[in-house]
N, C-alpha and C. Protein backbone atom coordinates (compact mmCIF):
# COMPACT_ATOMS: atom_id res chain seq x y z
N UNK A 1 30.39 -164.56 139.07
CA UNK A 1 31.20 -165.72 139.22
C UNK A 1 32.20 -165.48 140.32
N UNK A 2 32.42 -166.51 141.17
CA UNK A 2 33.38 -166.44 142.26
C UNK A 2 34.77 -166.53 141.70
N UNK A 3 35.71 -165.88 142.40
CA UNK A 3 37.12 -166.01 142.01
C UNK A 3 37.63 -167.38 142.42
N UNK A 4 38.72 -167.85 141.81
CA UNK A 4 39.21 -169.20 142.12
C UNK A 4 39.60 -169.36 143.61
N UNK A 5 39.97 -168.31 144.27
CA UNK A 5 40.32 -168.41 145.68
C UNK A 5 39.07 -168.44 146.55
N UNK A 6 37.95 -168.06 146.02
CA UNK A 6 36.71 -168.04 146.82
C UNK A 6 35.95 -169.36 146.72
N UNK A 7 36.36 -170.24 145.83
CA UNK A 7 35.64 -171.48 145.61
C UNK A 7 36.54 -172.69 145.87
N UNK A 8 35.92 -173.72 146.32
CA UNK A 8 36.66 -175.02 146.46
C UNK A 8 36.36 -175.92 145.30
N UNK A 9 35.51 -175.47 144.35
CA UNK A 9 35.16 -176.27 143.18
C UNK A 9 36.41 -176.52 142.34
N UNK A 10 36.91 -177.75 142.32
CA UNK A 10 38.18 -177.99 141.58
C UNK A 10 38.06 -177.64 140.10
N UNK A 11 36.91 -177.86 139.47
CA UNK A 11 36.82 -177.52 138.04
C UNK A 11 36.96 -176.02 137.84
N UNK A 12 36.35 -175.22 138.68
CA UNK A 12 36.50 -173.76 138.55
C UNK A 12 37.94 -173.32 138.72
N UNK A 13 38.64 -173.95 139.62
CA UNK A 13 40.07 -173.64 139.83
C UNK A 13 40.88 -174.06 138.61
N UNK A 14 40.54 -175.18 138.04
CA UNK A 14 41.21 -175.61 136.78
C UNK A 14 40.92 -174.63 135.68
N UNK A 15 39.70 -174.25 135.50
CA UNK A 15 39.34 -173.30 134.44
C UNK A 15 40.11 -171.98 134.60
N UNK A 16 40.25 -171.51 135.84
CA UNK A 16 40.90 -170.26 136.09
C UNK A 16 42.38 -170.32 135.66
N UNK A 17 43.02 -171.48 135.87
CA UNK A 17 44.44 -171.61 135.43
C UNK A 17 44.49 -171.76 133.92
N UNK A 18 43.60 -172.54 133.31
CA UNK A 18 43.57 -172.69 131.87
C UNK A 18 43.43 -171.35 131.16
N UNK A 19 42.63 -170.43 131.74
CA UNK A 19 42.44 -169.14 131.14
C UNK A 19 43.71 -168.30 131.09
N UNK A 20 44.75 -168.73 131.81
CA UNK A 20 46.01 -167.97 131.83
C UNK A 20 46.93 -168.43 130.73
N UNK A 21 46.69 -169.54 130.08
CA UNK A 21 47.61 -170.02 129.04
C UNK A 21 47.42 -169.14 127.83
N UNK A 22 48.45 -168.45 127.41
CA UNK A 22 48.32 -167.48 126.29
C UNK A 22 48.22 -168.15 124.95
N UNK A 23 47.64 -167.44 124.02
CA UNK A 23 47.57 -167.88 122.64
C UNK A 23 48.93 -168.20 122.13
N UNK A 24 49.01 -169.34 121.37
CA UNK A 24 50.27 -169.73 120.79
C UNK A 24 51.12 -170.60 121.76
N UNK A 25 50.57 -170.88 122.91
CA UNK A 25 51.29 -171.72 123.89
C UNK A 25 50.35 -172.84 124.35
N UNK A 26 50.91 -173.91 124.90
CA UNK A 26 50.14 -175.04 125.39
C UNK A 26 50.63 -175.42 126.76
N UNK A 27 49.77 -176.07 127.52
CA UNK A 27 50.10 -176.65 128.83
C UNK A 27 49.59 -178.07 128.84
N UNK A 28 50.22 -178.89 129.62
CA UNK A 28 49.77 -180.27 129.73
C UNK A 28 48.75 -180.38 130.85
N UNK A 29 48.03 -181.49 130.82
CA UNK A 29 47.04 -181.76 131.92
C UNK A 29 47.78 -181.76 133.23
N UNK A 30 49.00 -182.34 133.22
CA UNK A 30 49.79 -182.37 134.47
C UNK A 30 50.27 -181.05 134.92
N UNK A 31 50.62 -180.15 133.99
CA UNK A 31 51.00 -178.76 134.35
C UNK A 31 49.86 -178.10 135.12
N UNK A 32 48.67 -178.18 134.51
CA UNK A 32 47.51 -177.55 135.11
C UNK A 32 47.26 -178.14 136.50
N UNK A 33 47.35 -179.43 136.66
CA UNK A 33 47.15 -180.09 137.95
C UNK A 33 48.17 -179.62 138.95
N UNK A 34 49.43 -179.49 138.55
CA UNK A 34 50.47 -179.07 139.47
C UNK A 34 50.23 -177.62 139.94
N UNK A 35 49.76 -176.78 139.06
CA UNK A 35 49.47 -175.39 139.42
C UNK A 35 48.28 -175.33 140.36
N UNK A 36 47.25 -176.08 140.07
CA UNK A 36 46.02 -176.11 140.92
C UNK A 36 46.38 -176.66 142.29
N UNK A 37 47.13 -177.76 142.34
CA UNK A 37 47.52 -178.37 143.62
C UNK A 37 46.34 -178.95 144.36
N UNK A 38 46.54 -179.21 145.63
CA UNK A 38 45.44 -179.69 146.47
C UNK A 38 44.91 -181.07 146.11
N UNK A 39 45.77 -181.94 145.58
CA UNK A 39 45.33 -183.25 145.20
C UNK A 39 44.77 -183.35 143.77
N UNK A 40 44.77 -182.23 143.05
CA UNK A 40 44.32 -182.30 141.64
C UNK A 40 45.34 -183.09 140.87
N UNK A 41 44.84 -183.95 139.94
CA UNK A 41 45.73 -184.69 139.09
C UNK A 41 45.34 -184.49 137.63
N UNK A 42 46.14 -185.05 136.75
CA UNK A 42 45.92 -184.88 135.29
C UNK A 42 44.56 -185.37 134.86
N UNK A 43 44.10 -186.47 135.43
CA UNK A 43 42.79 -187.05 135.06
C UNK A 43 41.65 -186.05 135.45
N UNK A 44 41.79 -185.44 136.61
CA UNK A 44 40.78 -184.45 137.01
C UNK A 44 40.72 -183.32 136.04
N UNK A 45 41.92 -182.87 135.56
CA UNK A 45 41.95 -181.81 134.56
C UNK A 45 41.23 -182.25 133.28
N UNK A 46 41.48 -183.51 132.86
CA UNK A 46 40.83 -184.07 131.69
C UNK A 46 39.34 -184.08 131.85
N UNK A 47 38.87 -184.49 133.03
CA UNK A 47 37.44 -184.54 133.28
C UNK A 47 36.85 -183.12 133.25
N UNK A 48 37.58 -182.15 133.78
CA UNK A 48 37.12 -180.75 133.75
C UNK A 48 37.00 -180.23 132.32
N UNK A 49 37.98 -180.58 131.48
CA UNK A 49 37.94 -180.16 130.09
C UNK A 49 36.72 -180.78 129.37
N UNK A 50 36.44 -182.06 129.71
CA UNK A 50 35.30 -182.72 129.06
C UNK A 50 33.98 -182.16 129.51
N UNK A 51 33.93 -181.49 130.69
CA UNK A 51 32.73 -181.00 131.30
C UNK A 51 32.52 -179.51 131.02
N UNK A 52 33.28 -178.90 130.13
CA UNK A 52 33.20 -177.46 129.92
C UNK A 52 31.84 -176.95 129.51
N UNK A 53 31.16 -177.69 128.64
CA UNK A 53 29.83 -177.21 128.18
C UNK A 53 29.90 -175.81 127.61
N UNK A 54 29.05 -174.92 128.06
CA UNK A 54 29.03 -173.57 127.54
C UNK A 54 30.29 -172.77 127.91
N UNK A 55 31.06 -173.21 128.88
CA UNK A 55 32.30 -172.54 129.24
C UNK A 55 33.37 -172.65 128.20
N UNK A 56 33.16 -173.55 127.19
CA UNK A 56 34.15 -173.78 126.15
C UNK A 56 34.41 -172.49 125.37
N UNK A 57 33.49 -171.55 125.37
CA UNK A 57 33.65 -170.29 124.66
C UNK A 57 34.63 -169.39 125.39
N UNK A 58 34.81 -169.56 126.71
CA UNK A 58 35.68 -168.64 127.44
C UNK A 58 36.97 -169.31 127.99
N UNK A 59 36.99 -170.61 128.05
CA UNK A 59 38.19 -171.33 128.55
C UNK A 59 38.91 -171.91 127.31
N UNK A 60 40.16 -171.54 127.11
CA UNK A 60 40.89 -172.04 125.92
C UNK A 60 41.31 -173.48 126.02
N UNK A 61 40.33 -174.36 125.97
CA UNK A 61 40.52 -175.82 126.13
C UNK A 61 41.49 -176.40 125.13
N UNK A 62 41.58 -175.79 123.96
CA UNK A 62 42.47 -176.37 122.93
C UNK A 62 43.93 -176.27 123.31
N UNK A 63 44.27 -175.42 124.26
CA UNK A 63 45.65 -175.24 124.66
C UNK A 63 46.11 -176.25 125.69
N UNK A 64 45.25 -177.13 126.10
CA UNK A 64 45.58 -178.12 127.13
C UNK A 64 45.70 -179.50 126.41
N UNK A 65 46.94 -180.06 126.46
CA UNK A 65 47.25 -181.25 125.73
C UNK A 65 47.88 -182.28 126.64
N UNK A 66 48.19 -183.46 126.08
CA UNK A 66 48.80 -184.47 126.91
C UNK A 66 50.32 -184.25 127.03
N UNK A 67 50.94 -184.98 127.93
CA UNK A 67 52.35 -184.76 128.29
C UNK A 67 53.31 -184.98 127.15
N UNK A 68 52.97 -185.72 126.11
CA UNK A 68 53.84 -185.96 124.99
C UNK A 68 53.65 -184.89 123.88
N UNK A 69 52.76 -183.96 124.08
CA UNK A 69 52.45 -182.99 123.09
C UNK A 69 51.36 -183.41 122.14
N UNK A 70 50.73 -184.54 122.47
CA UNK A 70 49.66 -185.05 121.62
C UNK A 70 48.30 -184.46 122.00
N UNK A 71 47.42 -184.51 121.05
CA UNK A 71 46.04 -184.05 121.23
C UNK A 71 45.19 -185.21 121.66
N UNK A 72 44.41 -185.02 122.67
CA UNK A 72 43.60 -186.10 123.25
C UNK A 72 42.17 -186.13 122.76
N UNK A 73 41.75 -185.09 122.05
CA UNK A 73 40.38 -185.04 121.56
C UNK A 73 40.31 -185.74 120.18
N UNK A 74 39.11 -186.15 119.82
CA UNK A 74 38.93 -186.75 118.49
C UNK A 74 38.66 -185.65 117.45
N UNK A 75 38.91 -185.95 116.24
CA UNK A 75 38.68 -184.97 115.15
C UNK A 75 39.86 -184.01 115.02
N UNK A 76 39.66 -183.05 114.15
CA UNK A 76 40.76 -182.13 113.85
C UNK A 76 40.62 -180.75 114.45
N UNK A 77 39.51 -180.50 115.15
CA UNK A 77 39.20 -179.13 115.63
C UNK A 77 40.32 -178.56 116.54
N UNK A 78 40.76 -179.34 117.48
CA UNK A 78 41.76 -178.84 118.41
C UNK A 78 43.05 -178.44 117.67
N UNK A 79 43.50 -179.29 116.77
CA UNK A 79 44.70 -178.98 116.03
C UNK A 79 44.48 -177.75 115.16
N UNK A 80 43.30 -177.62 114.52
CA UNK A 80 43.05 -176.44 113.70
C UNK A 80 43.08 -175.16 114.54
N UNK A 81 42.51 -175.20 115.72
CA UNK A 81 42.54 -174.00 116.58
C UNK A 81 43.96 -173.64 117.00
N UNK A 82 44.75 -174.68 117.34
CA UNK A 82 46.13 -174.42 117.73
C UNK A 82 46.96 -173.88 116.58
N UNK A 83 46.78 -174.48 115.41
CA UNK A 83 47.52 -173.99 114.26
C UNK A 83 47.14 -172.53 113.93
N UNK A 84 45.89 -172.17 114.11
CA UNK A 84 45.44 -170.82 113.88
C UNK A 84 46.13 -169.84 114.87
N UNK A 85 46.58 -170.34 115.98
CA UNK A 85 47.30 -169.51 116.97
C UNK A 85 48.80 -169.54 116.72
N UNK A 86 49.25 -170.30 115.73
CA UNK A 86 50.67 -170.33 115.44
C UNK A 86 51.43 -171.45 116.05
N UNK A 87 50.70 -172.42 116.66
CA UNK A 87 51.36 -173.56 117.27
C UNK A 87 51.80 -174.54 116.17
N UNK A 88 53.07 -174.95 116.21
CA UNK A 88 53.65 -175.85 115.26
C UNK A 88 53.59 -177.27 115.68
N UNK A 89 53.46 -178.19 114.75
CA UNK A 89 53.41 -179.63 115.07
C UNK A 89 54.58 -180.32 114.35
N UNK A 90 55.04 -181.41 114.94
CA UNK A 90 56.13 -182.19 114.26
C UNK A 90 55.51 -183.20 113.31
N UNK A 91 56.37 -183.96 112.67
CA UNK A 91 55.94 -184.95 111.69
C UNK A 91 55.03 -186.03 112.27
N UNK A 92 55.14 -186.27 113.58
CA UNK A 92 54.29 -187.32 114.23
C UNK A 92 52.95 -186.73 114.65
N UNK A 93 52.73 -185.41 114.44
CA UNK A 93 51.46 -184.81 114.82
C UNK A 93 51.43 -184.30 116.24
N UNK A 94 52.57 -184.16 116.88
CA UNK A 94 52.64 -183.63 118.24
C UNK A 94 53.06 -182.20 118.22
N UNK A 95 52.57 -181.45 119.20
CA UNK A 95 52.98 -180.07 119.36
C UNK A 95 54.50 -180.03 119.60
N UNK A 96 55.13 -179.06 119.00
CA UNK A 96 56.58 -178.84 119.26
C UNK A 96 56.69 -178.19 120.62
N UNK A 97 56.84 -179.02 121.64
CA UNK A 97 56.83 -178.56 123.02
C UNK A 97 58.02 -177.61 123.30
N UNK A 98 59.17 -177.80 122.65
CA UNK A 98 60.29 -176.93 122.82
C UNK A 98 59.99 -175.49 122.48
N UNK A 99 59.04 -175.29 121.61
CA UNK A 99 58.69 -173.97 121.13
C UNK A 99 57.41 -173.38 121.75
N UNK A 100 56.56 -174.24 122.24
CA UNK A 100 55.21 -173.77 122.63
C UNK A 100 54.76 -174.09 124.05
N UNK A 101 55.63 -174.76 124.82
CA UNK A 101 55.21 -175.20 126.18
C UNK A 101 55.24 -174.03 127.13
N UNK A 102 54.07 -173.68 127.65
CA UNK A 102 53.90 -172.56 128.62
C UNK A 102 54.73 -172.81 129.87
N UNK A 103 55.32 -171.80 130.40
CA UNK A 103 56.15 -171.88 131.63
C UNK A 103 55.31 -171.74 132.88
N UNK A 104 54.03 -171.49 132.73
CA UNK A 104 53.15 -171.33 133.90
C UNK A 104 52.91 -169.90 134.25
N UNK A 105 52.04 -169.70 135.20
CA UNK A 105 51.67 -168.32 135.57
C UNK A 105 52.81 -167.66 136.30
N UNK A 106 52.76 -166.34 136.35
CA UNK A 106 53.74 -165.60 137.13
C UNK A 106 53.59 -165.95 138.61
N UNK A 107 54.62 -165.82 139.33
CA UNK A 107 54.57 -166.06 140.77
C UNK A 107 53.58 -165.13 141.43
N UNK A 108 53.54 -163.86 141.01
CA UNK A 108 52.62 -162.90 141.60
C UNK A 108 51.15 -163.32 141.36
N UNK A 109 50.83 -163.75 140.11
CA UNK A 109 49.48 -164.17 139.84
C UNK A 109 49.13 -165.41 140.64
N UNK A 110 50.03 -166.38 140.65
CA UNK A 110 49.77 -167.64 141.36
C UNK A 110 49.50 -167.34 142.83
N UNK A 111 50.36 -166.57 143.46
CA UNK A 111 50.20 -166.27 144.89
C UNK A 111 48.90 -165.48 145.15
N UNK A 112 48.59 -164.55 144.30
CA UNK A 112 47.37 -163.74 144.51
C UNK A 112 46.11 -164.57 144.37
N UNK A 113 46.16 -165.65 143.62
CA UNK A 113 44.96 -166.46 143.37
C UNK A 113 44.97 -167.82 144.08
N UNK A 114 45.99 -168.07 144.89
CA UNK A 114 46.01 -169.30 145.67
C UNK A 114 46.51 -170.52 144.93
N UNK A 115 47.39 -170.33 143.93
CA UNK A 115 47.92 -171.41 143.12
C UNK A 115 49.42 -171.53 143.27
N UNK A 116 50.00 -172.56 142.73
CA UNK A 116 51.45 -172.81 142.75
C UNK A 116 52.05 -172.39 141.38
N UNK A 117 53.34 -172.26 141.38
CA UNK A 117 54.03 -172.06 140.08
C UNK A 117 54.67 -173.38 139.66
N UNK A 118 54.99 -173.50 138.43
CA UNK A 118 55.67 -174.72 137.94
C UNK A 118 57.17 -174.61 138.26
N UNK A 119 57.75 -175.71 138.58
CA UNK A 119 59.24 -175.62 138.75
C UNK A 119 59.91 -175.35 137.41
N UNK A 120 61.13 -174.83 137.45
CA UNK A 120 61.85 -174.63 136.21
C UNK A 120 61.97 -175.96 135.47
N UNK A 121 61.89 -175.95 134.15
CA UNK A 121 61.91 -177.19 133.38
C UNK A 121 63.22 -177.92 133.45
N UNK A 122 64.31 -177.21 133.64
CA UNK A 122 65.59 -177.88 133.69
C UNK A 122 65.89 -178.43 135.08
N UNK A 123 65.02 -178.16 136.05
CA UNK A 123 65.19 -178.74 137.40
C UNK A 123 64.55 -180.10 137.45
N UNK A 124 65.10 -181.03 138.22
CA UNK A 124 64.46 -182.32 138.35
C UNK A 124 63.14 -182.20 139.07
N UNK A 125 62.23 -183.07 138.76
CA UNK A 125 60.91 -183.10 139.42
C UNK A 125 61.17 -183.33 140.90
N UNK A 126 60.27 -182.79 141.78
CA UNK A 126 60.49 -182.95 143.22
C UNK A 126 60.56 -184.39 143.69
N UNK A 127 59.92 -185.32 142.98
CA UNK A 127 59.91 -186.71 143.38
C UNK A 127 60.91 -187.57 142.55
N UNK A 128 61.71 -186.90 141.78
CA UNK A 128 62.66 -187.65 140.92
C UNK A 128 63.82 -188.19 141.79
N UNK A 129 64.22 -189.39 141.51
CA UNK A 129 65.33 -190.02 142.20
C UNK A 129 66.57 -189.87 141.34
N UNK A 130 67.71 -189.68 142.00
CA UNK A 130 68.96 -189.65 141.30
C UNK A 130 69.31 -191.08 140.87
N UNK A 131 69.85 -191.27 139.70
CA UNK A 131 70.28 -192.60 139.27
C UNK A 131 71.79 -192.66 139.43
N UNK A 132 72.24 -193.69 140.14
CA UNK A 132 73.68 -193.81 140.40
C UNK A 132 74.34 -194.66 139.30
N UNK A 133 73.63 -195.50 138.64
CA UNK A 133 74.24 -196.35 137.63
C UNK A 133 73.47 -196.30 136.35
């Protein structure tokens, strides 16, 4: 298998980043897209997760969730897998993002593999506008 920096296949690049999300933590589709960069968006990450096929055994798909902490798959399997890893859910059935949201890959790993790092969570998004009123 080619390394993520050797391929332009966006799905392979997405899978390489997803494989970095540790057990007990989650990332959003948007997080993965931001790390992959190059025009990748959250929908592309969703399509990649849906197309895993036999790769589902090696890519921790269950750790990729929507931006509100919700599970986007049908059935209970994703939640069961996450709970088995120690991921906690709130009363509304959403992952407790304050406790389980992955901060992204290390800068060294990202640089070595041709990816970006996530901005610090307390920093405003690069495209955020300041509100004056």
